[in-house]
Amino acid sequence: MAPERIGSGIFGGRDSNILAKISNSEIVSQGRRAAYDAVYLSKKLLRSTAKAAWFAGTTFLILVVPLSIQMERDQLLGEIQCQQASLLGLSPAGAL
């Protein structure tokens, strides 16, 4: 038996030539460029979204957390004053 030639398929060795023509065609090049552009823009969008999320989270921590700590501190101070007033036999400042 004669050894089989590489590329001797249905098209008799022309299938690799057809694939080369298809892969080098203008429509494939445009599709490749469009895919690369989509990936590039997706990465930029992801980065900007991550930056915006970090900015919003940091702003929340800077603005909201100290306010909640201050409110807790004021509430604790009011409770301590009530306890001290009751120990001294005085009526609490807020009671009528």
PDB file of N, CA and C in Angstrom:
ATOM      1  N   MET A   1       0.829  -1.188   0.000  1.00  0.00           N
ATOM      2  CA  MET A   1       0.000   0.000   0.000  1.00  0.00           C
ATOM      3  C   MET A   1       0.869   1.246   0.000  1.00  0.00           C
ATOM      4  N   ALA A   2       0.464   2.208  -0.730  1.00  0.00           N
ATOM      5  CA  ALA A   2       1.213   3.460  -0.796  1.00  0.00           C
ATOM      6  C   ALA A   2       0.881   4.303   0.422  1.00  0.00           C
ATOM      7  N   PRO A   3       1.889   4.962   1.002  1.00  0.00           N
ATOM      8  CA  PRO A   3       1.610   5.810   2.161  1.00  0.00           C
ATOM      9  C   PRO A   3       0.700   6.981   1.781  1.00  0.00           C
ATOM     10  N   GLU A   4      -0.142   7.346   2.718  1.00  0.00           N
ATOM     11  CA  GLU A   4      -1.108   8.411   2.463  1.00  0.00           C
ATOM     12  C   GLU A   4      -0.419   9.764   2.580  1.00  0.00           C
ATOM     13  N   ARG A   5      -0.705  10.649   1.665  1.00  0.00           N
ATOM     14  CA  ARG A   5      -0.101  11.982   1.711  1.00  0.00           C
ATOM     15  C   ARG A   5      -0.786  12.832   2.768  1.00  0.00           C
ATOM     16  N   ILE A   6      -0.013  13.701   3.365  1.00  0.00           N
ATOM     17  CA  ILE A   6      -0.580  14.644   4.338  1.00  0.00           C
ATOM     18  C   ILE A   6      -1.417  15.652   3.576  1.00  0.00           C
ATOM     19  N   GLY A   7      -2.631  15.867   4.030  1.00  0.00           N
ATOM     20  CA  GLY A   7      -3.499  16.840   3.381  1.00  0.00           C
ATOM     21  C   GLY A   7      -4.272  16.260   2.230  1.00  0.00           C
ATOM     22  N   SER A   8      -4.229  14.947   2.060  1.00  0.00           N
ATOM     23  CA  SER A   8      -4.997  14.371   0.957  1.00  0.00           C
ATOM     24  C   SER A   8      -6.356  13.946   1.485  1.00  0.00           C
ATOM     25  N   GLY A   9      -7.189  14.899   1.755  1.00  0.00           N
ATOM     26  CA  GLY A   9      -8.525  14.629   2.271  1.00  0.00           C
ATOM     27  C   GLY A   9      -9.538  14.666   1.157  1.00  0.00           C
ATOM     28  N   ILE A  10     -10.680  15.165   1.447  1.00  0.00           N
ATOM     29  CA  ILE A  10     -11.769  15.238   0.476  1.00  0.00           C
ATOM     30  C   ILE A  10     -11.377  16.093  -0.719  1.00  0.00           C
ATOM     31  N   PHE A  11     -10.654  17.170  -0.452  1.00  0.00           N
ATOM     32  CA  PHE A  11     -10.320  18.113  -1.518  1.00  0.00           C
ATOM     33  C   PHE A  11      -8.989  17.788  -2.190  1.00  0.00           C
ATOM     34  N   GLY A  12      -8.396  16.661  -1.850  1.00  0.00           N
ATOM     35  CA  GLY A  12      -7.153  16.258  -2.510  1.00  0.00           C
ATOM     36  C   GLY A  12      -5.986  17.179  -2.208  1.00  0.00           C
ATOM     37  N   GLY A  13      -5.833  17.604  -0.944  1.00  0.00           N
ATOM     38  CA  GLY A  13      -4.714  18.461  -0.560  1.00  0.00           C
ATOM     39  C   GLY A  13      -5.010  19.933  -0.643  1.00  0.00           C
ATOM     40  N   ARG A  14      -6.187  20.284  -1.101  1.00  0.00           N
ATOM     41  CA  ARG A  14      -6.537  21.696  -1.250  1.00  0.00           C
ATOM     42  C   ARG A  14      -7.221  22.259  -0.017  1.00  0.00           C
ATOM     43  N   ASP A  15      -7.554  21.408   0.985  1.00  0.00           N
ATOM     44  CA  ASP A  15      -8.277  21.905   2.154  1.00  0.00           C
ATOM     45  C   ASP A  15      -7.439  22.868   2.980  1.00  0.00           C
ATOM     46  N   SER A  16      -6.122  22.648   3.086  1.00  0.00           N
ATOM     47  CA  SER A  16      -5.279  23.575   3.832  1.00  0.00           C
ATOM     48  C   SER A  16      -5.191  24.918   3.110  1.00  0.00           C
ATOM     49  N   ASN A  17      -5.216  24.900   1.795  1.00  0.00           N
ATOM     50  CA  ASN A  17      -5.186  26.122   1.010  1.00  0.00           C
ATOM     51  C   ASN A  17      -6.487  26.911   1.204  1.00  0.00           C
ATOM     52  N   ILE A  18      -7.596  26.216   1.245  1.00  0.00           N
ATOM     53  CA  ILE A  18      -8.885  26.873   1.464  1.00  0.00           C
ATOM     54  C   ILE A  18      -8.938  27.479   2.856  1.00  0.00           C
ATOM     55  N   LEU A  19      -8.470  26.728   3.862  1.00  0.00           N
ATOM     56  CA  LEU A  19      -8.453  27.254   5.228  1.00  0.00           C
ATOM     57  C   LEU A  19      -7.563  28.487   5.343  1.00  0.00           C
ATOM     58  N   ALA A  20      -6.430  28.472   4.645  1.00  0.00           N
ATOM     59  CA  ALA A  20      -5.539  29.635   4.657  1.00  0.00           C
ATOM     60  C   ALA A  20      -6.221  30.841   4.030  1.00  0.00           C
ATOM     61  N   LYS A  21      -6.932  30.614   2.929  1.00  0.00           N
ATOM     62  CA  LYS A  21      -7.639  31.722   2.289  1.00  0.00           C
ATOM     63  C   LYS A  21      -8.732  32.279   3.189  1.00  0.00           C
ATOM     64  N   ILE A  22      -9.448  31.385   3.858  1.00  0.00           N
ATOM     65  CA  ILE A  22     -10.520  31.837   4.751  1.00  0.00           C
ATOM     66  C   ILE A  22      -9.944  32.604   5.934  1.00  0.00           C
ATOM     67  N   SER A  23      -8.888  32.063   6.556  1.00  0.00           N
ATOM     68  CA  SER A  23      -8.338  32.725   7.742  1.00  0.00           C
ATOM     69  C   SER A  23      -7.656  34.049   7.414  1.00  0.00           C
ATOM     70  N   ASN A  24      -7.222  34.220   6.167  1.00  0.00           N
ATOM     71  CA  ASN A  24      -6.591  35.482   5.765  1.00  0.00           C
ATOM     72  C   ASN A  24      -7.564  36.437   5.083  1.00  0.00           C
ATOM     73  N   SER A  25      -8.835  36.082   5.039  1.00  0.00           N
ATOM     74  CA  SER A  25      -9.798  36.941   4.346  1.00  0.00           C
ATOM     75  C   SER A  25     -10.085  38.203   5.165  1.00  0.00           C
ATOM     76  N   GLU A  26     -10.613  39.186   4.487  1.00  0.00           N
ATOM     77  CA  GLU A  26     -10.880  40.487   5.114  1.00  0.00           C
ATOM     78  C   GLU A  26     -11.975  40.388   6.177  1.00  0.00           C
ATOM     79  N   ILE A  27     -12.989  39.582   5.942  1.00  0.00           N
ATOM     80  CA  ILE A  27     -14.094  39.467   6.898  1.00  0.00           C
ATOM     81  C   ILE A  27     -13.612  38.836   8.204  1.00  0.00           C
ATOM     82  N   VAL A  28     -12.711  37.877   8.114  1.00  0.00           N
ATOM     83  CA  VAL A  28     -12.155  37.262   9.323  1.00  0.00           C
ATOM     84  C   VAL A  28     -11.290  38.275  10.065  1.00  0.00           C
ATOM     85  N   SER A  29     -10.525  39.061   9.322  1.00  0.00           N
ATOM     86  CA  SER A  29      -9.696  40.097   9.954  1.00  0.00           C
ATOM     87  C   SER A  29     -10.569  41.129  10.669  1.00  0.00           C
ATOM     88  N   GLN A  30     -11.662  41.525  10.039  1.00  0.00           N
ATOM     89  CA  GLN A  30     -12.570  42.478  10.687  1.00  0.00           C
ATOM     90  C   GLN A  30     -13.204  41.875  11.936  1.00  0.00           C
ATOM     91  N   GLY A  31     -13.570  40.607  11.856  1.00  0.00           N
ATOM     92  CA  GLY A  31     -14.134  39.928  13.019  1.00  0.00           C
ATOM     93  C   GLY A  31     -13.142  39.844  14.159  1.00  0.00           C
ATOM     94  N   ARG A  32     -11.881  39.537  13.817  1.00  0.00           N
ATOM     95  CA  ARG A  32     -10.831  39.489  14.834  1.00  0.00           C
ATOM     96  C   ARG A  32     -10.638  40.849  15.500  1.00  0.00           C
ATOM     97  N   ARG A  33     -10.593  41.896  14.671  1.00  0.00           N
ATOM     98  CA  ARG A  33     -10.429  43.254  15.223  1.00  0.00           C
ATOM     99  C   ARG A  33     -11.603  43.615  16.119  1.00  0.00           C
ATOM    100  N   ALA A  34     -12.810  43.257  15.700  1.00  0.00           N
ATOM    101  CA  ALA A  34     -13.995  43.546  16.503  1.00  0.00           C
ATOM    102  C   ALA A  34     -13.944  42.795  17.836  1.00  0.00           C
ATOM    103  N   ALA A  35     -13.481  41.562  17.810  1.00  0.00           N
ATOM    104  CA  ALA A  35     -13.373  40.781  19.044  1.00  0.00           C
ATOM    105  C   ALA A  35     -12.330  41.384  19.977  1.00  0.00           C
ATOM    106  N   TYR A  36     -11.178  41.774  19.438  1.00  0.00           N
ATOM    107  CA  TYR A  36     -10.145  42.411  20.261  1.00  0.00           C
ATOM    108  C   TYR A  36     -10.651  43.726  20.857  1.00  0.00           C
ATOM    109  N   ASP A  37     -11.359  44.517  20.055  1.00  0.00           N
ATOM    110  CA  ASP A  37     -11.912  45.776  20.552  1.00  0.00           C
ATOM    111  C   ASP A  37     -12.926  45.535  21.660  1.00  0.00           C
ATOM    112  N   ALA A  38     -13.746  44.508  21.496  1.00  0.00           N
ATOM    113  CA  ALA A  38     -14.741  44.189  22.528  1.00  0.00           C
ATOM    114  C   ALA A  38     -14.060  43.772  23.830  1.00  0.00           C
ATOM    115  N   VAL A  39     -13.012  42.992  23.727  1.00  0.00           N
ATOM    116  CA  VAL A  39     -12.280  42.571  24.925  1.00  0.00           C
ATOM    117  C   VAL A  39     -11.626  43.782  25.584  1.00  0.00           C
ATOM    118  N   TYR A  40     -11.022  44.649  24.777  1.00  0.00           N
ATOM    119  CA  TYR A  40     -10.355  45.842  25.312  1.00  0.00           C
ATOM    120  C   TYR A  40     -11.358  46.741  26.045  1.00  0.00           C
ATOM    121  N   LEU A  41     -12.510  46.982  25.417  1.00  0.00           N
ATOM    122  CA  LEU A  41     -13.513  47.834  26.059  1.00  0.00           C
ATOM    123  C   LEU A  41     -14.110  47.174  27.301  1.00  0.00           C
ATOM    124  N   SER A  42     -14.266  45.864  27.269  1.00  0.00           N
ATOM    125  CA  SER A  42     -14.780  45.160  28.449  1.00  0.00           C
ATOM    126  C   SER A  42     -13.821  45.291  29.620  1.00  0.00           C
ATOM    127  N   LYS A  43     -12.528  45.172  29.346  1.00  0.00           N
ATOM    128  CA  LYS A  43     -11.536  45.331  30.418  1.00  0.00           C
ATOM    129  C   LYS A  43     -11.563  46.745  30.979  1.00  0.00           C
ATOM    130  N   LYS A  44     -11.667  47.752  30.086  1.00  0.00           N
ATOM    131  CA  LYS A  44     -11.726  49.136  30.562  1.00  0.00           C
ATOM    132  C   LYS A  44     -12.977  49.371  31.404  1.00  0.00           C
ATOM    133  N   LEU A  45     -14.104  48.824  30.966  1.00  0.00           N
ATOM    134  CA  LEU A  45     -15.346  48.968  31.717  1.00  0.00           C
ATOM    135  C   LEU A  45     -15.242  48.296  33.076  1.00  0.00           C
ATOM    136  N   LEU A  46     -14.651  47.111  33.119  1.00  0.00           N
ATOM    137  CA  LEU A  46     -14.487  46.394  34.381  1.00  0.00           C
ATOM    138  C   LEU A  46     -13.590  47.182  35.337  1.00  0.00           C
ATOM    139  N   ARG A  47     -12.497  47.728  34.800  1.00  0.00           N
ATOM    140  CA  ARG A  47     -11.603  48.523  35.656  1.00  0.00           C
ATOM    141  C   ARG A  47     -12.304  49.765  36.199  1.00  0.00           C
ATOM    142  N   SER A  48     -13.026  50.471  35.349  1.00  0.00           N
ATOM    143  CA  SER A  48     -13.686  51.695  35.805  1.00  0.00           C
ATOM    144  C   SER A  48     -14.804  51.367  36.791  1.00  0.00           C
ATOM    145  N   THR A  49     -15.487  50.250  36.587  1.00  0.00           N
ATOM    146  CA  THR A  49     -16.529  49.842  37.525  1.00  0.00           C
ATOM    147  C   THR A  49     -15.910  49.487  38.871  1.00  0.00           C
ATOM    148  N   ALA A  50     -14.783  48.801  38.847  1.00  0.00           N
ATOM    149  CA  ALA A  50     -14.102  48.450  40.094  1.00  0.00           C
ATOM    150  C   ALA A  50     -13.629  49.708  40.821  1.00  0.00           C
ATOM    151  N   LYS A  51     -13.115  50.673  40.074  1.00  0.00           N
ATOM    152  CA  LYS A  51     -12.681  51.924  40.695  1.00  0.00           C
ATOM    153  C   LYS A  51     -13.863  52.662  41.311  1.00  0.00           C
ATOM    154  N   ALA A  52     -14.983  52.682  40.605  1.00  0.00           N
ATOM    155  CA  ALA A  52     -16.169  53.355  41.130  1.00  0.00           C
ATOM    156  C   ALA A  52     -16.682  52.661  42.379  1.00  0.00           C
ATOM    157  N   ALA A  53     -16.663  51.330  42.389  1.00  0.00           N
ATOM    158  CA  ALA A  53     -17.100  50.584  43.578  1.00  0.00           C
ATOM    159  C   ALA A  53     -16.174  50.847  44.751  1.00  0.00           C
ATOM    160  N   TRP A  54     -14.869  50.882  44.505  1.00  0.00           N
ATOM    161  CA  TRP A  54     -13.924  51.177  45.577  1.00  0.00           C
ATOM    162  C   TRP A  54     -14.154  52.591  46.108  1.00  0.00           C
ATOM    163  N   PHE A  55     -14.365  53.534  45.214  1.00  0.00           N
ATOM    164  CA  PHE A  55     -14.597  54.919  45.612  1.00  0.00           C
ATOM    165  C   PHE A  55     -15.860  55.040  46.459  1.00  0.00           C
ATOM    166  N   ALA A  56     -16.939  54.379  46.029  1.00  0.00           N
ATOM    167  CA  ALA A  56     -18.201  54.436  46.774  1.00  0.00           C
ATOM    168  C   ALA A  56     -18.053  53.776  48.147  1.00  0.00           C
ATOM    169  N   GLY A  57     -17.376  52.645  48.202  1.00  0.00           N
ATOM    170  CA  GLY A  57     -17.171  51.968  49.481  1.00  0.00           C
ATOM    171  C   GLY A  57     -16.328  52.787  50.435  1.00  0.00           C
ATOM    172  N   THR A  58     -15.276  53.392  49.919  1.00  0.00           N
ATOM    173  CA  THR A  58     -14.419  54.229  50.760  1.00  0.00           C
ATOM    174  C   THR A  58     -15.175  55.454  51.258  1.00  0.00           C
ATOM    175  N   THR A  59     -15.953  56.065  50.388  1.00  0.00           N
ATOM    176  CA  THR A  59     -16.746  57.226  50.787  1.00  0.00           C
ATOM    177  C   THR A  59     -17.747  56.845  51.866  1.00  0.00           C
ATOM    178  N   PHE A  60     -18.376  55.681  51.721  1.00  0.00           N
ATOM    179  CA  PHE A  60     -19.313  55.196  52.737  1.00  0.00           C
ATOM    180  C   PHE A  60     -18.607  55.044  54.081  1.00  0.00           C
ATOM    181  N   LEU A  61     -17.426  54.445  54.065  1.00  0.00           N
ATOM    182  CA  LEU A  61     -16.700  54.244  55.321  1.00  0.00           C
ATOM    183  C   LEU A  61     -16.299  55.571  55.951  1.00  0.00           C
ATOM    184  N   ILE A  62     -15.900  56.515  55.130  1.00  0.00           N
ATOM    185  CA  ILE A  62     -15.446  57.803  55.665  1.00  0.00           C
ATOM    186  C   ILE A  62     -16.610  58.618  56.204  1.00  0.00           C
ATOM    187  N   LEU A  63     -17.753  58.596  55.536  1.00  0.00           N
ATOM    188  CA  LEU A  63     -18.868  59.456  55.924  1.00  0.00           C
ATOM    189  C   LEU A  63     -19.847  58.811  56.899  1.00  0.00           C
ATOM    190  N   VAL A  64     -20.193  57.555  56.712  1.00  0.00           N
ATOM    191  CA  VAL A  64     -21.275  56.950  57.472  1.00  0.00           C
ATOM    192  C   VAL A  64     -20.800  56.299  58.763  1.00  0.00           C
ATOM    193  N   VAL A  65     -19.684  55.609  58.736  1.00  0.00           N
ATOM    194  CA  VAL A  65     -19.237  54.889  59.928  1.00  0.00           C
ATOM    195  C   VAL A  65     -18.953  55.829  61.096  1.00  0.00           C
ATOM    196  N   PRO A  66     -18.260  56.947  60.914  1.00  0.00           N
ATOM    197  CA  PRO A  66     -18.059  57.850  62.060  1.00  0.00           C
ATOM    198  C   PRO A  66     -19.377  58.390  62.624  1.00  0.00           C
ATOM    199  N   LEU A  67     -20.379  58.603  61.770  1.00  0.00           N
ATOM    200  CA  LEU A  67     -21.670  59.079  62.261  1.00  0.00           C
ATOM    201  C   LEU A  67     -22.337  58.040  63.143  1.00  0.00           C
ATOM    202  N   SER A  68     -22.277  56.769  62.735  1.00  0.00           N
ATOM    203  CA  SER A  68     -22.895  55.726  63.543  1.00  0.00           C
ATOM    204  C   SER A  68     -22.143  55.545  64.847  1.00  0.00           C
ATOM    205  N   ILE A  69     -20.826  55.706  64.826  1.00  0.00           N
ATOM    206  CA  ILE A  69     -20.043  55.612  66.066  1.00  0.00           C
ATOM    207  C   ILE A  69     -20.425  56.764  66.995  1.00  0.00           C
ATOM    208  N   GLN A  70     -20.583  57.969  66.437  1.00  0.00           N
ATOM    209  CA  GLN A  70     -20.971  59.124  67.243  1.00  0.00           C
ATOM    210  C   GLN A  70     -22.352  58.912  67.854  1.00  0.00           C
ATOM    211  N   MET A  71     -23.297  58.353  67.104  1.00  0.00           N
ATOM    212  CA  MET A  71     -24.636  58.105  67.626  1.00  0.00           C
ATOM    213  C   MET A  71     -24.590  57.084  68.756  1.00  0.00           C
ATOM    214  N   GLU A  72     -23.785  56.030  68.589  1.00  0.00           N
ATOM    215  CA  GLU A  72     -23.646  55.035  69.650  1.00  0.00           C
ATOM    216  C   GLU A  72     -23.021  55.660  70.889  1.00  0.00           C
ATOM    217  N   ARG A  73     -22.042  56.518  70.695  1.00  0.00           N
ATOM    218  CA  ARG A  73     -21.372  57.173  71.817  1.00  0.00           C
ATOM    219  C   ARG A  73     -22.368  58.068  72.575  1.00  0.00           C
ATOM    220  N   ASP A  74     -23.188  58.822  71.834  1.00  0.00           N
ATOM    221  CA  ASP A  74     -24.180  59.687  72.474  1.00  0.00           C
ATOM    222  C   ASP A  74     -25.212  58.867  73.233  1.00  0.00           C
ATOM    223  N   GLN A  75     -25.616  57.749  72.678  1.00  0.00           N
ATOM    224  CA  GLN A  75     -26.596  56.891  73.339  1.00  0.00           C
ATOM    225  C   GLN A  75     -25.993  56.301  74.618  1.00  0.00           C
ATOM    226  N   LEU A  76     -24.751  55.851  74.550  1.00  0.00           N
ATOM    227  CA  LEU A  76     -24.104  55.314  75.746  1.00  0.00           C
ATOM    228  C   LEU A  76     -23.944  56.387  76.814  1.00  0.00           C
ATOM    229  N   LEU A  77     -23.582  57.592  76.408  1.00  0.00           N
ATOM    230  CA  LEU A  77     -23.415  58.682  77.362  1.00  0.00           C
ATOM    231  C   LEU A  77     -24.740  58.998  78.045  1.00  0.00           C
ATOM    232  N   GLY A  78     -25.842  58.988  77.281  1.00  0.00           N
ATOM    233  CA  GLY A  78     -27.166  59.221  77.869  1.00  0.00           C
ATOM    234  C   GLY A  78     -27.532  58.131  78.854  1.00  0.00           C
ATOM    235  N   GLU A  79     -27.237  56.882  78.537  1.00  0.00           N
ATOM    236  CA  GLU A  79     -27.525  55.788  79.453  1.00  0.00           C
ATOM    237  C   GLU A  79     -26.699  55.901  80.735  1.00  0.00           C
ATOM    238  N   ILE A  80     -25.440  56.259  80.604  1.00  0.00           N
ATOM    239  CA  ILE A  80     -24.583  56.418  81.796  1.00  0.00           C
ATOM    240  C   ILE A  80     -25.085  57.555  82.667  1.00  0.00           C
ATOM    241  N   GLN A  81     -25.523  58.654  82.062  1.00  0.00           N
ATOM    242  CA  GLN A  81     -26.059  59.777  82.842  1.00  0.00           C
ATOM    243  C   GLN A  81     -27.331  59.370  83.583  1.00  0.00           C
ATOM    244  N   CYS A  82     -28.186  58.568  82.929  1.00  0.00           N
ATOM    245  CA  CYS A  82     -29.397  58.087  83.596  1.00  0.00           C
ATOM    246  C   CYS A  82     -29.048  57.189  84.776  1.00  0.00           C
ATOM    247  N   GLN A  83     -28.066  56.326  84.587  1.00  0.00           N
ATOM    248  CA  GLN A  83     -27.662  55.433  85.667  1.00  0.00           C
ATOM    249  C   GLN A  83     -27.079  56.227  86.831  1.00  0.00           C
ATOM    250  N   GLN A  84     -26.252  57.206  86.525  1.00  0.00           N
ATOM    251  CA  GLN A  84     -25.675  58.026  87.584  1.00  0.00           C
ATOM    252  C   GLN A  84     -26.754  58.799  88.325  1.00  0.00           C
ATOM    253  N   ALA A  85     -27.737  59.325  87.603  1.00  0.00           N
ATOM    254  CA  ALA A  85     -28.808  60.085  88.226  1.00  0.00           C
ATOM    255  C   ALA A  85     -29.640  59.184  89.134  1.00  0.00           C
ATOM    256  N   SER A  86     -29.891  57.965  88.695  1.00  0.00           N
ATOM    257  CA  SER A  86     -30.674  57.045  89.533  1.00  0.00           C
ATOM    258  C   SER A  86     -29.884  56.622  90.754  1.00  0.00           C
ATOM    259  N   LEU A  87     -28.580  56.501  90.649  1.00  0.00           N
ATOM    260  CA  LEU A  87     -27.746  56.144  91.818  1.00  0.00           C
ATOM    261  C   LEU A  87     -27.723  57.301  92.829  1.00  0.00           C
ATOM    262  N   LEU A  88     -27.736  58.514  92.339  1.00  0.00           N
ATOM    263  CA  LEU A  88     -27.700  59.674  93.220  1.00  0.00           C
ATOM    264  C   LEU A  88     -29.091  60.039  93.740  1.00  0.00           C
ATOM    265  N   GLY A  89     -30.112  59.378  93.237  1.00  0.00           N
ATOM    266  CA  GLY A  89     -31.481  59.661  93.695  1.00  0.00           C
ATOM    267  C   GLY A  89     -32.105  60.837  92.994  1.00  0.00           C
ATOM    268  N   LEU A  90     -31.542  61.250  91.892  1.00  0.00           N
ATOM    269  CA  LEU A  90     -32.091  62.370  91.137  1.00  0.00           C
ATOM    270  C   LEU A  90     -32.968  61.830  90.010  1.00  0.00           C
ATOM    271  N   SER A  91     -33.912  62.649  89.570  1.00  0.00           N
ATOM    272  CA  SER A  91     -34.725  62.242  88.430  1.00  0.00           C
ATOM    273  C   SER A  91     -33.911  62.440  87.152  1.00  0.00           C
ATOM    274  N   PRO A  92     -34.059  61.570  86.176  1.00  0.00           N
ATOM    275  CA  PRO A  92     -33.287  61.706  84.933  1.00  0.00           C
ATOM    276  C   PRO A  92     -33.616  63.035  84.246  1.00  0.00           C
ATOM    277  N   ALA A  93     -32.685  63.559  83.512  1.00  0.00           N
ATOM    278  CA  ALA A  93     -32.832  64.882  82.894  1.00  0.00           C
ATOM    279  C   ALA A  93     -33.965  64.914  81.903  1.00  0.00           C
ATOM    280  N   GLY A  94     -34.272  63.845  81.211  1.00  0.00           N
ATOM    281  CA  GLY A  94     -35.304  63.833  80.194  1.00  0.00           C
ATOM    282  C   GLY A  94     -36.694  63.539  80.771  1.00  0.00           C
ATOM    283  N   ALA A  95     -36.809  63.122  82.032  1.00  0.00           N
ATOM    284  CA  ALA A  95     -38.108  62.757  82.600  1.00  0.00           C
ATOM    285  C   ALA A  95     -38.805  63.972  83.168  1.00  0.00           C
ATOM    286  N   LEU A  96     -40.138  64.012  83.060  1.00  0.00           N
ATOM    287  CA  LEU A  96     -40.938  65.121  83.606  1.00  0.00           C
ATOM    288  C   LEU A  96     -41.815  64.656  84.695  1.00  0.00           C
TER     289      LEU A  96
END
